[in-house]
Amino acid sequence: MLEDYKILKKVDVQWGDMDAAQHVNNVVYLRWVESARIAYFLNLNNGRLSNEDNVGPVVAWQDCKYIKPVTFPDTVLIGVERTEILDDRIVLETKIFSKEQNKLVAISNQHIVSYDFKRKMKAPLPMNWVYNE
């Protein structure tokens, strides 16, 4: 299942990632998703977050389905892939796998719009977002 992902990020769970309930806090999952998403766009833009026109990704919407709790010590593997292209955005799906449990522990979907950081406004989708998967 993991071999299907072009972008796969490995993260060691830290003791401080856990909360009072003694499992990784929900917001940490979204940080992991963010790290994988950044790796995805760095890969698309030859190591840069935005392209030569200063257009880059902005999260318009995201969700996270928490399937299994994760605790320290563990290592998670985060796979990200584009699942849909819409008129003004792309949709990414990110899956988080626990090495310790050998299971899928969370799934997140993100709607990503392209944003012109120079003009401070939404921009058309860059062609490499559409064709360089």
C-alpha atoms as a PDB file:
ATOM      1  CA  MET A   1       0.000   0.000   0.000  1.00  0.00           C
ATOM      2  CA  LEU A   2       2.781   2.491   0.881  1.00  0.00           C
ATOM      3  CA  GLU A   3       4.667   1.784  -2.328  1.00  0.00           C
ATOM      4  CA  ASP A   4       1.854   3.485  -4.269  1.00  0.00           C
ATOM      5  CA  TYR A   5       2.808   6.920  -2.925  1.00  0.00           C
ATOM      6  CA  LYS A   6       5.176   9.164  -4.856  1.00  0.00           C
ATOM      7  CA  ILE A   7       5.520  11.337  -1.736  1.00  0.00           C
ATOM      8  CA  LEU A   8       6.071   9.458   1.516  1.00  0.00           C
ATOM      9  CA  LYS A   9       7.229  11.263   4.650  1.00  0.00           C
ATOM     10  CA  LYS A  10       8.578   9.484   7.742  1.00  0.00           C
ATOM     11  CA  VAL A  11       8.115  11.136  11.147  1.00  0.00           C
ATOM     12  CA  ASP A  12       9.207   9.883  14.545  1.00  0.00           C
ATOM     13  CA  VAL A  13       6.515  10.415  17.177  1.00  0.00           C
ATOM     14  CA  GLN A  14       7.798  12.635  19.978  1.00  0.00           C
ATOM     15  CA  TRP A  15       6.918  12.278  23.666  1.00  0.00           C
ATOM     16  CA  GLY A  16       5.623  15.855  23.618  1.00  0.00           C
ATOM     17  CA  ASP A  17       3.166  15.008  20.796  1.00  0.00           C
ATOM     18  CA  MET A  18       0.972  13.223  23.341  1.00  0.00           C
ATOM     19  CA  ASP A  19      -1.743  14.952  25.349  1.00  0.00           C
ATOM     20  CA  ALA A  20      -3.398  14.319  28.726  1.00  0.00           C
ATOM     21  CA  ALA A  21      -5.268  11.349  27.233  1.00  0.00           C
ATOM     22  CA  GLN A  22      -1.835   9.744  26.617  1.00  0.00           C
ATOM     23  CA  HIS A  23      -2.082   9.596  22.853  1.00  0.00           C
ATOM     24  CA  VAL A  24      -0.945  11.927  20.071  1.00  0.00           C
ATOM     25  CA  ASN A  25      -2.989  15.122  20.122  1.00  0.00           C
ATOM     26  CA  ASN A  26      -5.330  15.606  17.150  1.00  0.00           C
ATOM     27  CA  VAL A  27      -3.621  18.788  15.996  1.00  0.00           C
ATOM     28  CA  VAL A  28      -0.307  16.914  15.632  1.00  0.00           C
ATOM     29  CA  TYR A  29      -1.862  14.735  12.922  1.00  0.00           C
ATOM     30  CA  LEU A  30      -2.617  17.916  10.960  1.00  0.00           C
ATOM     31  CA  ARG A  31       0.999  19.056  11.392  1.00  0.00           C
ATOM     32  CA  TRP A  32       2.136  15.727   9.959  1.00  0.00           C
ATOM     33  CA  VAL A  33      -0.287  16.209   7.060  1.00  0.00           C
ATOM     34  CA  GLU A  34       1.117  19.705   6.533  1.00  0.00           C
ATOM     35  CA  SER A  35       4.685  18.362   6.391  1.00  0.00           C
ATOM     36  CA  ALA A  36       3.703  15.806   3.766  1.00  0.00           C
ATOM     37  CA  ARG A  37       1.779  18.438   1.770  1.00  0.00           C
ATOM     38  CA  ILE A  38       4.821  20.745   1.791  1.00  0.00           C
ATOM     39  CA  ALA A  39       6.987  17.857   0.542  1.00  0.00           C
ATOM     40  CA  TYR A  40       4.425  17.269  -2.234  1.00  0.00           C
ATOM     41  CA  PHE A  41       4.622  20.867  -3.459  1.00  0.00           C
ATOM     42  CA  LEU A  42       8.407  21.088  -3.080  1.00  0.00           C
ATOM     43  CA  ASN A  43       8.568  18.055  -5.354  1.00  0.00           C
ATOM     44  CA  LEU A  44       6.248  19.720  -7.917  1.00  0.00           C
ATOM     45  CA  ASN A  45       8.221  22.985  -7.937  1.00  0.00           C
ATOM     46  CA  ASN A  46      11.813  21.717  -8.016  1.00  0.00           C
ATOM     47  CA  GLY A  47      12.469  22.387  -4.347  1.00  0.00           C
ATOM     48  CA  ARG A  48      10.466  25.613  -4.053  1.00  0.00           C
ATOM     49  CA  LEU A  49       7.078  26.075  -2.439  1.00  0.00           C
ATOM     50  CA  SER A  50       5.895  28.583  -5.042  1.00  0.00           C
ATOM     51  CA  ASN A  51       6.618  28.721  -8.750  1.00  0.00           C
ATOM     52  CA  GLU A  52       8.489  31.367 -10.758  1.00  0.00           C
ATOM     53  CA  ASP A  53       5.305  33.517 -10.876  1.00  0.00           C
ATOM     54  CA  ASN A  54       5.147  33.485  -7.053  1.00  0.00           C
ATOM     55  CA  VAL A  55       2.023  31.292  -7.122  1.00  0.00           C
ATOM     56  CA  GLY A  56       1.825  28.680  -4.406  1.00  0.00           C
ATOM     57  CA  PRO A  57      -0.559  26.479  -2.426  1.00  0.00           C
ATOM     58  CA  VAL A  58      -3.024  27.617   0.221  1.00  0.00           C
ATOM     59  CA  VAL A  59      -5.283  25.251   2.155  1.00  0.00           C
ATOM     60  CA  ALA A  60      -8.929  26.186   1.541  1.00  0.00           C
ATOM     61  CA  TRP A  61     -10.419  23.273   3.498  1.00  0.00           C
ATOM     62  CA  GLN A  62      -9.276  20.117   5.252  1.00  0.00           C
ATOM     63  CA  ASP A  63     -10.619  17.291   7.347  1.00  0.00           C
ATOM     64  CA  CYS A  64      -9.126  14.435   9.289  1.00  0.00           C
ATOM     65  CA  LYS A  65     -10.622  11.080  10.156  1.00  0.00           C
ATOM     66  CA  TYR A  66      -8.897   9.639  13.204  1.00  0.00           C
ATOM     67  CA  ILE A  67      -8.986   5.853  12.986  1.00  0.00           C
ATOM     68  CA  LYS A  68      -6.601   4.621  15.711  1.00  0.00           C
ATOM     69  CA  PRO A  69      -4.750   6.461  18.481  1.00  0.00           C
ATOM     70  CA  VAL A  70      -0.977   6.757  18.172  1.00  0.00           C
ATOM     71  CA  THR A  71       1.353   6.818  21.183  1.00  0.00           C
ATOM     72  CA  PHE A  72       5.048   7.298  21.842  1.00  0.00           C
ATOM     73  CA  PRO A  73       7.260   5.562  20.822  1.00  0.00           C
ATOM     74  CA  ASP A  74       6.264   5.088  17.197  1.00  0.00           C
ATOM     75  CA  THR A  75       7.119   6.185  13.700  1.00  0.00           C
ATOM     76  CA  VAL A  76       4.453   7.261  11.255  1.00  0.00           C
ATOM     77  CA  LEU A  77       4.616   7.171   7.491  1.00  0.00           C
ATOM     78  CA  ILE A  78       2.579   9.810   5.707  1.00  0.00           C
ATOM     79  CA  GLY A  79       1.630   9.306   2.077  1.00  0.00           C
ATOM     80  CA  VAL A  80       0.107  12.087  -0.008  1.00  0.00           C
ATOM     81  CA  GLU A  81      -1.426  11.987  -3.456  1.00  0.00           C
ATOM     82  CA  ARG A  82      -3.634  14.142  -5.612  1.00  0.00           C
ATOM     83  CA  THR A  83      -7.079  12.584  -5.967  1.00  0.00           C
ATOM     84  CA  GLU A  84      -9.029  15.207  -7.884  1.00  0.00           C
ATOM     85  CA  ILE A  85      -8.630  18.293 -10.052  1.00  0.00           C
ATOM     86  CA  LEU A  86     -11.451  20.844  -9.860  1.00  0.00           C
ATOM     87  CA  ASP A  87     -11.816  24.138 -11.728  1.00  0.00           C
ATOM     88  CA  ASP A  88     -10.122  26.227  -9.051  1.00  0.00           C
ATOM     89  CA  ARG A  89      -8.400  23.698  -6.773  1.00  0.00           C
ATOM     90  CA  ILE A  90      -6.840  20.301  -6.394  1.00  0.00           C
ATOM     91  CA  VAL A  91      -7.786  17.749  -3.764  1.00  0.00           C
ATOM     92  CA  LEU A  92      -5.090  15.858  -1.894  1.00  0.00           C
ATOM     93  CA  GLU A  93      -5.577  12.757   0.194  1.00  0.00           C
ATOM     94  CA  THR A  94      -3.084  12.040   2.940  1.00  0.00           C
ATOM     95  CA  LYS A  95      -2.904   8.747   4.791  1.00  0.00           C
ATOM     96  CA  ILE A  96      -1.003   8.244   8.033  1.00  0.00           C
ATOM     97  CA  PHE A  97       0.318   4.769   8.868  1.00  0.00           C
ATOM     98  CA  SER A  98       1.721   3.643  12.208  1.00  0.00           C
ATOM     99  CA  LYS A  99       4.798   1.429  11.957  1.00  0.00           C
ATOM    100  CA  GLU A 100       4.283   0.158  15.515  1.00  0.00           C
ATOM    101  CA  GLN A 101       0.676  -0.880  14.829  1.00  0.00           C
ATOM    102  CA  ASN A 102       1.254  -1.705  11.159  1.00  0.00           C
ATOM    103  CA  LYS A 103      -2.078   0.011  10.450  1.00  0.00           C
ATOM    104  CA  LEU A 104      -3.658   3.025   8.873  1.00  0.00           C
ATOM    105  CA  VAL A 105      -4.339   5.455  11.734  1.00  0.00           C
ATOM    106  CA  ALA A 106      -5.752   8.559   9.995  1.00  0.00           C
ATOM    107  CA  ILE A 107      -6.912   9.942   6.645  1.00  0.00           C
ATOM    108  CA  SER A 108      -7.005  13.617   5.741  1.00  0.00           C
ATOM    109  CA  ASN A 109      -8.338  15.373   2.657  1.00  0.00           C
ATOM    110  CA  GLN A 110      -7.298  18.884   1.695  1.00  0.00           C
ATOM    111  CA  HIS A 111      -8.637  21.282  -0.909  1.00  0.00           C
ATOM    112  CA  ILE A 112      -5.705  23.355  -2.136  1.00  0.00           C
ATOM    113  CA  VAL A 113      -6.164  26.580  -4.095  1.00  0.00           C
ATOM    114  CA  SER A 114      -3.395  28.376  -5.939  1.00  0.00           C
ATOM    115  CA  TYR A 115      -2.580  31.792  -4.558  1.00  0.00           C
ATOM    116  CA  ASP A 116      -0.621  34.634  -6.114  1.00  0.00           C
ATOM    117  CA  PHE A 117       1.473  35.898  -3.209  1.00  0.00           C
ATOM    118  CA  LYS A 118       2.543  39.014  -5.157  1.00  0.00           C
ATOM    119  CA  ARG A 119      -0.960  40.163  -6.091  1.00  0.00           C
ATOM    120  CA  LYS A 120      -2.523  38.780  -2.857  1.00  0.00           C
ATOM    121  CA  MET A 121      -5.298  36.896  -4.611  1.00  0.00           C
ATOM    122  CA  LYS A 122      -6.388  33.502  -5.850  1.00  0.00           C
ATOM    123  CA  ALA A 123      -4.719  32.450  -9.113  1.00  0.00           C
ATOM    124  CA  PRO A 124      -5.459  29.929 -11.866  1.00  0.00           C
ATOM    125  CA  LEU A 125      -4.101  26.441 -11.212  1.00  0.00           C
ATOM    126  CA  PRO A 126      -0.484  26.136 -12.326  1.00  0.00           C
ATOM    127  CA  MET A 127      -0.128  23.638 -15.163  1.00  0.00           C
ATOM    128  CA  ASN A 128       2.425  21.586 -13.225  1.00  0.00           C
ATOM    129  CA  TRP A 129      -0.210  21.008 -10.515  1.00  0.00           C
ATOM    130  CA  VAL A 130      -2.463  19.524 -13.177  1.00  0.00           C
ATOM    131  CA  TYR A 131       0.008  17.611 -15.352  1.00  0.00           C
ATOM    132  CA  ASN A 132       3.091  16.775 -13.249  1.00  0.00           C
ATOM    133  CA  GLU A 133       1.606  14.139 -10.978  1.00  0.00           C
END
